[in-house]
Protein backbone atom coordinates (compact mmCIF):
# COMPACT_ATOMS: atom_id res chain seq x y z
CA UNK A 1 79.39 160.10 -46.88
CA UNK A 2 76.98 159.27 -43.73
CA UNK A 3 74.31 161.72 -43.70
CA UNK A 4 72.58 163.17 -40.50
CA UNK A 5 69.54 160.99 -39.60
CA UNK A 6 70.94 158.06 -41.70
CA UNK A 7 71.90 154.75 -40.12
CA UNK A 8 75.25 153.52 -41.36
CA UNK A 9 75.58 150.60 -43.28
CA UNK A 10 75.86 147.46 -40.84
CA UNK A 11 79.57 146.32 -40.88
CA UNK A 12 81.17 149.64 -42.05
CA UNK A 13 84.57 150.22 -41.06
CA UNK A 14 83.86 153.01 -38.65
CA UNK A 15 86.60 152.28 -36.10
CA UNK A 16 86.40 150.61 -32.55
CA UNK A 17 84.39 152.02 -29.94
CA UNK A 18 86.52 154.55 -28.61
CA UNK A 19 86.68 156.31 -24.75
CA UNK A 20 84.11 153.66 -23.54
CA UNK A 21 86.26 151.89 -20.93
CA UNK A 22 87.51 153.35 -17.69
CA UNK A 23 90.14 151.82 -15.63
CA UNK A 24 88.11 149.67 -13.55
CA UNK A 25 86.42 148.02 -16.69
CA UNK A 26 89.95 147.37 -17.96
CA UNK A 27 90.88 145.70 -14.40
CA UNK A 28 87.90 143.58 -14.56
CA UNK A 29 88.49 142.51 -17.98
CA UNK A 30 92.01 141.77 -16.68
CA UNK A 31 91.24 139.64 -14.36
CA UNK A 32 88.16 137.75 -16.31
CA UNK A 33 90.56 136.80 -18.75
CA UNK A 34 93.10 135.44 -16.20
CA UNK A 35 90.03 133.60 -14.71
CA UNK A 36 90.28 132.98 -10.95
CA UNK A 37 87.87 130.28 -10.19
CA UNK A 38 89.63 128.29 -12.98
CA UNK A 39 92.80 128.79 -10.91
CA UNK A 40 91.74 128.04 -7.98
CA UNK A 41 90.11 125.00 -9.02
CA UNK A 42 92.69 123.99 -11.71
CA UNK A 43 96.05 125.58 -11.13
CA UNK A 44 96.19 125.61 -7.09
CA UNK A 45 95.34 122.13 -6.50
CA UNK A 46 97.41 120.96 -9.69
CA UNK A 47 100.14 122.86 -8.09
CA UNK A 48 100.03 121.32 -4.75
CA UNK A 49 99.85 117.92 -6.75
CA UNK A 50 103.62 118.22 -7.26
CA UNK A 51 104.18 117.50 -3.47
CA UNK A 52 105.32 121.29 -3.12
CA UNK A 53 103.47 122.43 0.23
CA UNK A 54 105.25 126.04 -0.23
CA UNK A 55 102.66 127.15 -2.95
CA UNK A 56 101.47 130.71 -1.91
CA UNK A 57 104.34 132.57 -2.14
CA UNK A 58 105.40 131.59 -5.76
CA UNK A 59 102.13 133.76 -6.69
CA UNK A 60 103.67 136.56 -4.89
CA UNK A 61 107.30 136.08 -6.71
CA UNK A 62 105.33 135.52 -9.97
CA UNK A 63 103.33 138.67 -9.57
CA UNK A 64 106.93 140.36 -9.14
CA UNK A 65 108.49 138.92 -11.84
CA UNK A 66 105.45 140.04 -14.32
CA UNK A 67 105.14 143.16 -12.71
CA UNK A 68 108.96 144.24 -14.07
CA UNK A 69 108.17 142.54 -17.34
CA UNK A 70 105.17 144.75 -18.07
CA UNK A 71 106.21 148.14 -16.88
CA UNK A 72 108.20 148.90 -20.21
CA UNK A 73 105.20 147.44 -22.31
CA UNK A 74 102.94 149.45 -20.67
CA UNK A 75 104.44 152.85 -20.58
CA UNK A 76 105.35 152.24 -24.02
CA UNK A 77 101.76 151.53 -25.04
CA UNK A 78 100.77 155.27 -23.89
CA UNK A 79 103.17 156.78 -26.52
CA UNK A 80 101.88 153.81 -28.81
CA UNK A 81 98.07 153.08 -28.62
CA UNK A 82 97.30 150.50 -30.72
CA UNK A 83 94.49 147.43 -31.07
CA UNK A 84 97.59 145.15 -31.52
CA UNK A 85 100.10 146.02 -29.06
CA UNK A 86 102.23 142.91 -29.07
CA UNK A 87 102.52 143.56 -32.83
CA UNK A 88 102.72 147.59 -32.79
CA UNK A 89 105.52 147.97 -29.90
CA UNK A 90 108.28 145.69 -31.17
CA UNK A 91 107.84 147.58 -34.79
CA UNK A 92 108.04 150.95 -33.16
CA UNK A 93 110.92 150.22 -30.97
CA UNK A 94 113.06 147.32 -32.59
CA UNK A 95 111.73 147.80 -36.51
CA UNK A 96 108.93 146.47 -38.79
CA UNK A 97 110.21 142.71 -38.97
CA UNK A 98 110.00 142.58 -35.34
CA UNK A 99 106.34 143.92 -35.39
CA UNK A 100 105.59 140.94 -37.31
CA UNK A 101 107.55 138.40 -35.40
CA UNK A 102 105.57 140.18 -32.44
CA UNK A 103 102.05 139.12 -34.61
CA UNK A 104 103.26 135.53 -35.33
CA UNK A 105 103.50 135.15 -31.69
CA UNK A 106 100.66 137.19 -30.54
CA UNK A 107 97.89 135.74 -32.75
CA UNK A 108 98.41 131.98 -32.17
CA UNK A 109 99.22 132.40 -28.51
CA UNK A 110 95.82 134.19 -27.52
CA UNK A 111 93.71 132.27 -29.99
CA UNK A 112 94.99 129.01 -28.54
CA UNK A 113 94.40 129.58 -25.10
CA UNK A 114 90.71 130.66 -25.55
CA UNK A 115 90.23 127.33 -27.72
CA UNK A 116 92.18 125.54 -24.72
CA UNK A 117 89.56 126.74 -22.27
CA UNK A 118 86.68 125.46 -24.56
CA UNK A 119 88.12 122.02 -24.15
CA UNK A 120 88.21 122.11 -20.14
CA UNK A 121 84.50 124.03 -20.31
CA UNK A 122 83.46 121.04 -22.55
CA UNK A 123 84.98 118.48 -20.42
CA UNK A 124 83.42 120.30 -16.95
CA UNK A 125 79.92 120.34 -18.31
CA UNK A 126 80.11 117.07 -19.62
CA UNK A 127 81.26 115.63 -16.07
CA UNK A 128 78.41 117.87 -14.19
CA UNK A 129 75.49 117.19 -16.55
CA UNK A 130 76.76 114.41 -18.79
CA UNK A 131 76.64 114.22 -22.30
CA UNK A 132 79.62 114.55 -25.09
CA UNK A 133 82.17 117.30 -23.89
CA UNK A 134 82.46 118.02 -27.71
CA UNK A 135 78.68 119.42 -27.86
CA UNK A 136 79.06 121.14 -24.60
CA UNK A 137 82.20 122.68 -26.26
CA UNK A 138 80.56 123.74 -29.44
CA UNK A 139 77.69 125.26 -27.31
CA UNK A 140 80.09 127.38 -25.41
CA UNK A 141 81.83 128.41 -28.52
CA UNK A 142 78.23 129.48 -29.73
CA UNK A 143 77.75 131.99 -26.98
CA UNK A 144 81.16 133.40 -27.40
CA UNK A 145 80.81 133.91 -31.02
CA UNK A 146 77.75 135.58 -30.50
CA UNK A 147 79.04 137.79 -27.67
CA UNK A 148 82.07 138.73 -29.71
CA UNK A 149 80.16 140.26 -32.65
CA UNK A 150 77.79 142.13 -30.17
CA UNK A 151 80.66 143.50 -28.11
CA UNK A 152 79.79 142.40 -25.09
CA UNK A 153 83.15 142.60 -23.66
CA UNK A 154 82.56 146.33 -23.40
CA UNK A 155 78.86 145.99 -21.33
CA UNK A 156 80.44 146.58 -17.85
CA UNK A 157 77.67 144.99 -16.15
CA UNK A 158 78.29 141.55 -17.68
CA UNK A 159 82.01 141.12 -16.83
CA UNK A 160 81.20 143.04 -13.50
CA UNK A 161 78.52 141.15 -11.98
CA UNK A 162 79.81 137.48 -12.83
CA UNK A 163 83.58 138.46 -11.66
CA UNK A 164 82.37 139.86 -8.45
CA UNK A 165 80.31 137.12 -7.87
CA UNK A 166 83.38 134.89 -8.60
CA UNK A 167 85.91 136.78 -6.45
CA UNK A 168 83.04 137.22 -3.62
CA UNK A 169 82.52 133.15 -3.48
CA UNK A 170 86.77 132.75 -3.69
CA UNK A 171 86.81 135.15 -0.59
CA UNK A 172 84.43 132.72 1.14
CA UNK A 173 86.19 129.85 0.46
CA UNK A 174 89.13 131.90 1.75
CA UNK A 175 87.02 133.08 5.40
CA UNK A 176 85.81 129.35 5.37
CA UNK A 177 89.14 128.01 5.66
CA UNK A 178 90.62 130.66 8.08
CA UNK A 179 87.72 130.51 10.28
CA UNK A 180 87.58 126.41 10.17
CA UNK A 181 91.10 125.37 10.21
CA UNK A 182 92.29 121.72 10.37
CA UNK A 183 92.83 120.98 13.70
CA UNK A 184 91.72 124.24 15.10
CA UNK A 185 94.85 126.21 14.16
CA UNK A 186 96.01 127.83 11.31
CA UNK A 187 99.32 126.54 9.76
CA UNK A 188 102.03 128.73 8.68
CA UNK A 189 104.18 125.79 7.18
CA UNK A 190 103.01 126.66 3.46
CA UNK A 191 104.77 130.02 4.20
CA UNK A 192 108.20 128.68 4.88
CA UNK A 193 111.36 128.83 2.47
CA UNK A 194 111.85 125.02 3.26
CA UNK A 195 108.20 123.96 2.32
CA UNK A 196 108.87 126.13 -1.18
CA UNK A 197 112.69 125.30 -2.01
CA UNK A 198 112.12 121.56 -2.99
CA UNK A 199 112.01 119.51 -5.81
CA UNK A 200 108.97 120.52 -8.18
CA UNK A 201 109.48 124.25 -7.32
CA UNK A 202 109.89 125.27 -10.83
CA UNK A 203 106.59 123.15 -12.28
CA UNK A 204 104.76 125.07 -9.18
CA UNK A 205 106.07 128.31 -10.47
CA UNK A 206 105.27 127.74 -13.94
CA UNK A 207 101.74 127.19 -12.88
CA UNK A 208 102.00 130.11 -10.99
CA UNK A 209 102.89 132.15 -14.12
CA UNK A 210 100.26 130.53 -16.06
CA UNK A 211 97.81 131.76 -13.50
CA UNK A 212 98.45 135.38 -14.53
CA UNK A 213 98.13 135.20 -18.36
CA UNK A 214 95.36 137.61 -19.44
CA UNK A 215 96.36 140.57 -17.24
CA UNK A 216 98.74 142.04 -19.94
CA UNK A 217 95.78 142.61 -22.17
CA UNK A 218 94.73 146.03 -21.36
CA UNK A 219 97.01 147.74 -23.69
CA UNK A 220 95.01 146.15 -26.49
CA UNK A 221 92.02 148.41 -25.61
CA UNK A 222 94.24 151.57 -25.37
CA UNK A 223 92.28 152.87 -28.37
CA UNK A 224 89.09 152.43 -26.64
CA UNK A 225 90.24 153.69 -23.13
CA UNK A 226 88.78 156.70 -21.73
CA UNK A 227 92.00 158.04 -21.05
CA UNK A 228 95.67 157.05 -21.71
CA UNK A 229 96.57 156.43 -18.36
CA UNK A 230 93.38 154.13 -17.67
CA UNK A 231 95.65 151.08 -19.24
CA UNK A 232 98.64 151.59 -16.70
CA UNK A 233 96.35 152.22 -13.60
CA UNK A 234 94.42 149.03 -14.43
CA UNK A 235 97.53 146.73 -14.58
CA UNK A 236 98.89 148.37 -11.46
CA UNK A 237 95.45 147.74 -9.76
CA UNK A 238 95.47 144.15 -10.82
CA UNK A 239 99.18 143.66 -9.86
CA UNK A 240 98.65 145.06 -6.44
CA UNK A 241 95.75 142.91 -5.77
CA UNK A 242 95.58 139.71 -7.83
CA UNK A 243 98.98 138.12 -6.56
CA UNK A 244 97.74 138.77 -3.06
CA UNK A 245 94.47 137.24 -3.57
CA UNK A 246 95.91 134.01 -5.28
CA UNK A 247 98.55 134.09 -2.27
CA UNK A 248 95.43 133.83 0.07
CA UNK A 249 93.63 131.31 -1.71
CA UNK A 250 96.48 129.12 -2.07
CA UNK A 251 97.42 129.37 1.67
CA UNK A 252 93.55 128.69 2.33
CA UNK A 253 93.90 125.16 0.68
CA UNK A 254 96.44 123.64 3.32
CA UNK A 255 94.76 125.33 6.51
CA UNK A 256 91.22 123.93 5.49
CA UNK A 257 92.70 120.30 5.34
CA UNK A 258 95.75 120.54 6.79
CA UNK A 259 99.33 119.99 5.90
CA UNK A 260 99.41 116.23 6.72
CA UNK A 261 96.43 115.30 4.71
CA UNK A 262 96.93 117.86 2.09
CA UNK A 263 98.80 115.44 -0.60
CA UNK A 264 95.87 112.62 -0.39
CA UNK A 265 93.09 115.53 -0.41
CA UNK A 266 94.02 117.09 -3.30
CA UNK A 267 94.84 113.88 -5.11
CA UNK A 268 91.68 112.57 -4.67
CA UNK A 269 88.78 114.00 -6.96
CA UNK A 270 85.98 112.29 -4.85
CA UNK A 271 87.50 114.73 -1.75
CA UNK A 272 85.42 117.82 -3.58
CA UNK A 273 87.97 120.19 -3.03
CA UNK A 274 87.84 123.16 -3.08
CA UNK A 275 84.08 123.39 -3.01
CA UNK A 276 83.83 120.89 -0.09
CA UNK A 277 85.05 123.69 2.28
CA UNK A 278 82.40 125.70 1.49
CA UNK A 279 79.55 123.12 2.22
CA UNK A 280 80.97 122.58 5.57
CA UNK A 281 81.32 126.32 6.41
CA UNK A 282 78.08 127.31 4.74
CA UNK A 283 76.03 124.32 3.66
CA UNK A 284 75.68 122.77 -0.10
CA UNK A 285 73.77 126.12 -1.64
CA UNK A 286 77.35 128.25 -1.83
CA UNK A 287 78.90 125.42 -3.20
CA UNK A 288 76.27 124.71 -6.10
CA UNK A 289 76.85 128.46 -6.85
CA UNK A 290 80.54 128.05 -6.81
CA UNK A 291 80.05 125.25 -9.39
CA UNK A 292 78.12 127.55 -11.74
CA UNK A 293 80.77 130.25 -11.41
CA UNK A 294 83.27 128.09 -12.55
CA UNK A 295 81.59 127.55 -15.92
CA UNK A 296 80.85 131.29 -16.11
CA UNK A 297 84.39 132.01 -15.28
CA UNK A 298 85.63 130.10 -18.27
CA UNK A 299 83.14 131.58 -20.46
CA UNK A 300 84.38 135.27 -19.14
CA UNK A 301 88.26 134.11 -20.25
CA UNK A 302 87.03 132.99 -23.35
CA UNK A 303 85.39 136.17 -24.09
CA UNK A 304 88.33 138.03 -23.35
CA UNK A 305 90.85 136.29 -25.11
CA UNK A 306 88.39 136.20 -28.23
CA UNK A 307 88.19 140.32 -27.95
CA UNK A 308 92.00 140.38 -27.71
CA UNK A 309 92.57 137.96 -31.04
CA UNK A 310 89.67 140.24 -32.78
CA UNK A 311 91.28 143.34 -32.15
CA UNK A 312 94.68 142.18 -32.94
CA UNK A 313 93.11 141.39 -36.57
CA UNK A 314 91.41 144.37 -36.74
CA UNK A 315 94.70 146.47 -36.02
CA UNK A 316 96.70 144.80 -38.52
CA UNK A 317 94.04 144.65 -41.23
CA UNK A 318 93.88 148.39 -40.59
CA UNK A 319 97.20 148.62 -42.14
CA UNK A 320 96.83 146.00 -44.76
CA UNK A 321 99.28 143.68 -43.45
CA UNK A 322 96.16 141.36 -43.21
CA UNK A 323 93.35 141.56 -45.79
CA UNK A 324 91.86 144.83 -45.43
CA UNK A 325 88.35 143.48 -45.13
CA UNK A 326 89.42 141.89 -41.92
CA UNK A 327 89.31 145.54 -40.51
CA UNK A 328 85.20 145.86 -40.55
CA UNK A 329 83.61 146.85 -37.33
CA UNK A 330 79.71 147.25 -36.65
CA UNK A 331 78.31 150.48 -37.12
CA UNK A 332 74.98 150.73 -35.14
CA UNK A 333 73.20 148.94 -32.01
CA UNK A 334 74.91 146.34 -30.08
CA UNK A 335 77.49 146.09 -32.59
CA UNK A 336 79.07 149.65 -32.80
CA UNK A 337 82.35 149.51 -32.67
CA UNK A 338 82.81 145.53 -32.36
CA UNK A 339 85.68 144.04 -34.59
CA UNK A 340 83.52 141.75 -36.35
CA UNK A 341 85.54 140.57 -39.18
CA UNK A 342 88.22 139.69 -36.47
CA UNK A 343 85.52 138.08 -34.23
CA UNK A 344 84.13 135.92 -37.18
CA UNK A 345 87.88 134.79 -37.95
CA UNK A 346 88.53 133.44 -34.30
CA UNK A 347 85.37 131.77 -34.35
CA UNK A 348 86.22 129.98 -37.48
CA UNK A 349 89.35 128.88 -36.44
CA UNK A 350 88.06 127.70 -32.78
CA UNK A 351 85.57 125.81 -34.39
CA UNK A 352 87.64 124.00 -37.06
CA UNK A 353 90.25 123.11 -33.97
CA UNK A 354 87.32 121.66 -32.14
CA UNK A 355 86.41 119.74 -35.22
CA UNK A 356 89.78 118.23 -35.73
CA UNK A 357 90.17 117.25 -32.08
CA UNK A 358 86.82 115.79 -31.84
CA UNK A 359 87.60 113.78 -35.44
CA UNK A 360 91.05 112.38 -33.52
CA UNK A 361 88.99 111.45 -30.58
CA UNK A 362 91.89 113.17 -28.51
CA UNK A 363 91.25 114.16 -24.88
CA UNK A 364 89.97 117.91 -24.26
CA UNK A 365 92.17 118.41 -21.32
CA UNK A 366 95.01 116.45 -21.96
CA UNK A 367 95.48 117.88 -25.34
CA UNK A 368 93.24 120.67 -26.03
CA UNK A 369 93.62 122.16 -22.58
CA UNK A 370 96.85 121.46 -20.97
CA UNK A 371 98.77 121.36 -24.28
CA UNK A 372 97.27 124.58 -25.68
CA UNK A 373 97.23 126.87 -22.63
CA UNK A 374 100.93 125.83 -21.94
CA UNK A 375 102.20 126.83 -25.46
CA UNK A 376 99.99 129.92 -25.14
CA UNK A 377 101.66 130.96 -22.19
CA UNK A 378 105.21 130.52 -23.21
CA UNK A 379 104.22 132.45 -26.37
CA UNK A 380 102.88 135.41 -24.32
CA UNK A 381 105.96 135.50 -22.18
CA UNK A 382 108.16 135.60 -25.04
CA UNK A 383 105.83 138.30 -26.44
CA UNK A 384 106.27 140.30 -23.36
CA UNK A 385 110.17 139.99 -23.38
CA UNK A 386 110.26 141.28 -27.11
CA UNK A 387 108.02 144.24 -25.87
CA UNK A 388 110.10 145.04 -22.75
CA UNK A 389 113.17 145.15 -25.36
CA UNK A 390 111.22 147.19 -27.59
CA UNK A 391 110.66 149.70 -25.04
CA UNK A 392 114.12 149.87 -23.97
CA UNK A 393 115.30 150.92 -27.56
CA UNK A 394 112.33 153.12 -27.99
CA UNK A 395 112.95 155.33 -24.95
CA UNK A 396 116.69 155.28 -25.44
CA UNK A 397 116.07 156.74 -28.74
CA UNK A 398 114.49 159.82 -26.92
CA UNK A 399 110.81 159.02 -27.67
CA UNK A 400 108.39 159.51 -24.80
CA UNK A 401 111.30 161.34 -22.75
CA UNK A 402 109.21 162.11 -19.79
CA UNK A 403 109.11 158.82 -18.60
CA UNK A 404 111.27 158.33 -15.43
CA UNK A 405 114.84 156.35 -15.65
CA UNK A 406 113.14 153.69 -13.77
CA UNK A 407 110.29 153.03 -16.76
CA UNK A 408 112.82 153.79 -19.18
CA UNK A 409 115.57 151.65 -18.79
CA UNK A 410 115.66 150.19 -15.38
CA UNK A 411 112.48 148.16 -15.09
CA UNK A 412 112.21 147.03 -18.80
CA UNK A 413 116.09 145.83 -18.46
CA UNK A 414 115.08 143.82 -15.29
CA UNK A 415 111.91 142.80 -17.18
CA UNK A 416 113.86 141.41 -20.12
CA UNK A 417 116.03 139.39 -17.48
CA UNK A 418 113.09 138.17 -15.40
CA UNK A 419 111.22 137.25 -18.18
CA UNK A 420 114.17 135.18 -19.54
CA UNK A 421 114.48 133.50 -16.34
CA UNK A 422 110.83 132.52 -16.11
CA UNK A 423 110.79 131.21 -19.83
CA UNK A 424 113.87 129.14 -18.82
CA UNK A 425 112.05 127.99 -15.88
CA UNK A 426 109.08 126.72 -17.72
CA UNK A 427 111.33 124.89 -20.54
CA UNK A 428 113.14 123.44 -17.71
CA UNK A 429 109.67 121.79 -16.31
CA UNK A 430 107.55 120.79 -19.15
CA UNK A 431 107.76 117.39 -18.19
CA UNK A 432 105.65 118.07 -15.30
CA UNK A 433 103.21 120.73 -16.76
CA UNK A 434 102.47 118.42 -19.75
CA UNK A 435 102.77 114.86 -18.03
CA UNK A 436 105.18 114.18 -20.64
CA UNK A 437 108.63 112.17 -19.93
CA UNK A 438 109.65 111.79 -23.50
CA UNK A 439 112.20 114.39 -24.93
CA UNK A 440 110.55 114.47 -28.23
CA UNK A 441 107.39 115.88 -27.30
CA UNK A 442 109.13 118.10 -24.71
CA UNK A 443 110.49 119.95 -27.74
CA UNK A 444 107.23 120.48 -29.33
CA UNK A 445 106.30 123.88 -27.60
CA UNK A 446 109.86 125.53 -27.79
CA UNK A 447 110.08 124.31 -31.44
CA UNK A 448 106.61 126.03 -32.22
CA UNK A 449 107.97 129.27 -30.69
CA UNK A 450 111.03 129.18 -32.79
CA UNK A 451 108.75 128.40 -36.10
CA UNK A 452 106.69 131.62 -35.13
CA UNK A 453 109.55 133.50 -34.99
CA UNK A 454 110.88 132.24 -38.09
CA UNK A 455 107.72 132.79 -39.79
CA UNK A 456 107.53 136.38 -38.66
CA UNK A 457 110.70 137.27 -40.14
CA UNK A 458 109.96 135.29 -43.34
CA UNK A 459 106.41 137.30 -43.51
CA UNK A 460 108.56 140.37 -42.84
CA UNK A 461 111.06 139.82 -45.88
CA UNK A 462 108.39 138.98 -48.18
CA UNK A 463 106.29 142.26 -47.34
CA UNK A 464 109.25 144.57 -47.32
CA UNK A 465 109.79 143.13 -51.01
CA UNK A 466 106.32 143.30 -52.21
CA UNK A 467 104.71 146.10 -50.76
CA UNK A 468 107.52 148.04 -49.24
CA UNK A 469 105.12 151.24 -48.04
CA UNK A 470 102.78 148.78 -46.16
CA UNK A 471 106.13 147.22 -44.46
CA UNK A 472 107.19 150.63 -43.67
CA UNK A 473 104.13 151.90 -41.98
CA UNK A 474 104.06 148.73 -39.66
CA UNK A 475 102.75 149.58 -36.29
CA UNK A 476 102.14 153.20 -37.30
CA UNK A 477 98.21 152.83 -38.02
CA UNK A 478 96.00 155.31 -35.69
CA UNK A 479 92.19 155.92 -36.03
CA UNK A 480 91.52 158.86 -38.31
CA UNK A 481 88.68 160.86 -36.51
CA UNK A 482 87.66 161.79 -39.90
CA UNK A 483 87.73 158.52 -42.14
CA UNK A 484 87.18 156.43 -38.99
CA UNK A 485 84.63 158.44 -36.76
CA UNK A 486 83.62 157.28 -33.42
CA UNK A 487 80.55 154.95 -33.68
CA UNK A 488 78.26 157.20 -31.67
CA UNK A 489 79.13 159.96 -33.92
CA UNK A 490 78.77 157.80 -37.12
CA UNK A 491 75.45 159.34 -37.82
CA UNK A 492 76.74 163.17 -38.33
CA UNK A 493 77.69 164.83 -41.42
CA UNK A 494 81.66 164.54 -41.60
């Protein structure tokens, strides 16, 4: 028992920091995970490098497909709040074995995308400042490791200030492009069907989908949200804003440089896109700020995915599917409610991967960023399709019956179909995405997804035989308000 006036022991499992995050905080967290500055500098320019001029509409189409895909996922998360939704929702809808399949997809996928950004982070700073990318990546790793233990993700001002500056700078880029268009006229060619419907569209669409990964992480914080509807409202707000914002940012590129010179500009690193547009309109000061925000954008995204993995580990350890000691959270001060054990686990995995990549002298962008992020995007999409299918079964069984037919059936079914189509497009365009023409390497990512599914099923079979009670309760873990009081109440007699 923790008595009044006493400080709880550091690391005591008192539960996550509940009812701290509102809808606005969750929305900032989702957009931060998607890293809009990285999308502009990396993703959008890479999309134009395919030779497809009609890039902007693909963000609207991607947003529509993903919007259908998450309706059931978000609606079900209101009825099944859990720190590991990709594990709990399939378990409650399709059965315990599918919960472990979801876990086998979610844990490596979210871990991989955070580690992937470390490679890009190190390479970017090495190019800007000099020095080895490895040491810059280790520096970034150290920042995230400390921030994860201190629960920085829940500090509104940290995310809000950085992200608002980032979005404001991108908005300044859009304004600069449309007020200083190439040739004095705004081009509408990128918005035409002909500019979009051509060879390379599949690859462009794949990059567009990858740009949104992270927006779906809000249900991970469902136990920490102030209201059960905060999660749904935050995702709805992001999907109403973010696709249109990326649409405008992507359109601004050909407006600024012209359609005729677009291919040459985006394929020439010395051209300085997109920051050169800011220089022309506002001077070099804003361009320097944008470069700095690119670095902080990657840090914000890494922090978001780090926190996601930590909460998945906590949610599964609480149910004893993972070792029980992994459910430890901070008890006091800045660490109150932080999933410390899960955070340290992700930090250890990231450091091991960095050490291996450095030891074999692999390229941090080609291998670490491109391959890991592509694999993570594929894994997350399969996970969302699984969750949508689970939502259909969950609602058809009469649970959460107050939801509309659209939410219970129509949208989740359309989401499964849309998600399946997106996955097919991604697999059909891996050569463009991974810059790999040989068939063998192109089978690696889908092969890893198959391995994850099989591993989840084997895990489930073994757990069912060895610990049937734990198996039967998969996905049912909820914080006990007495055994696991809120961190802010941990000093009271209970």
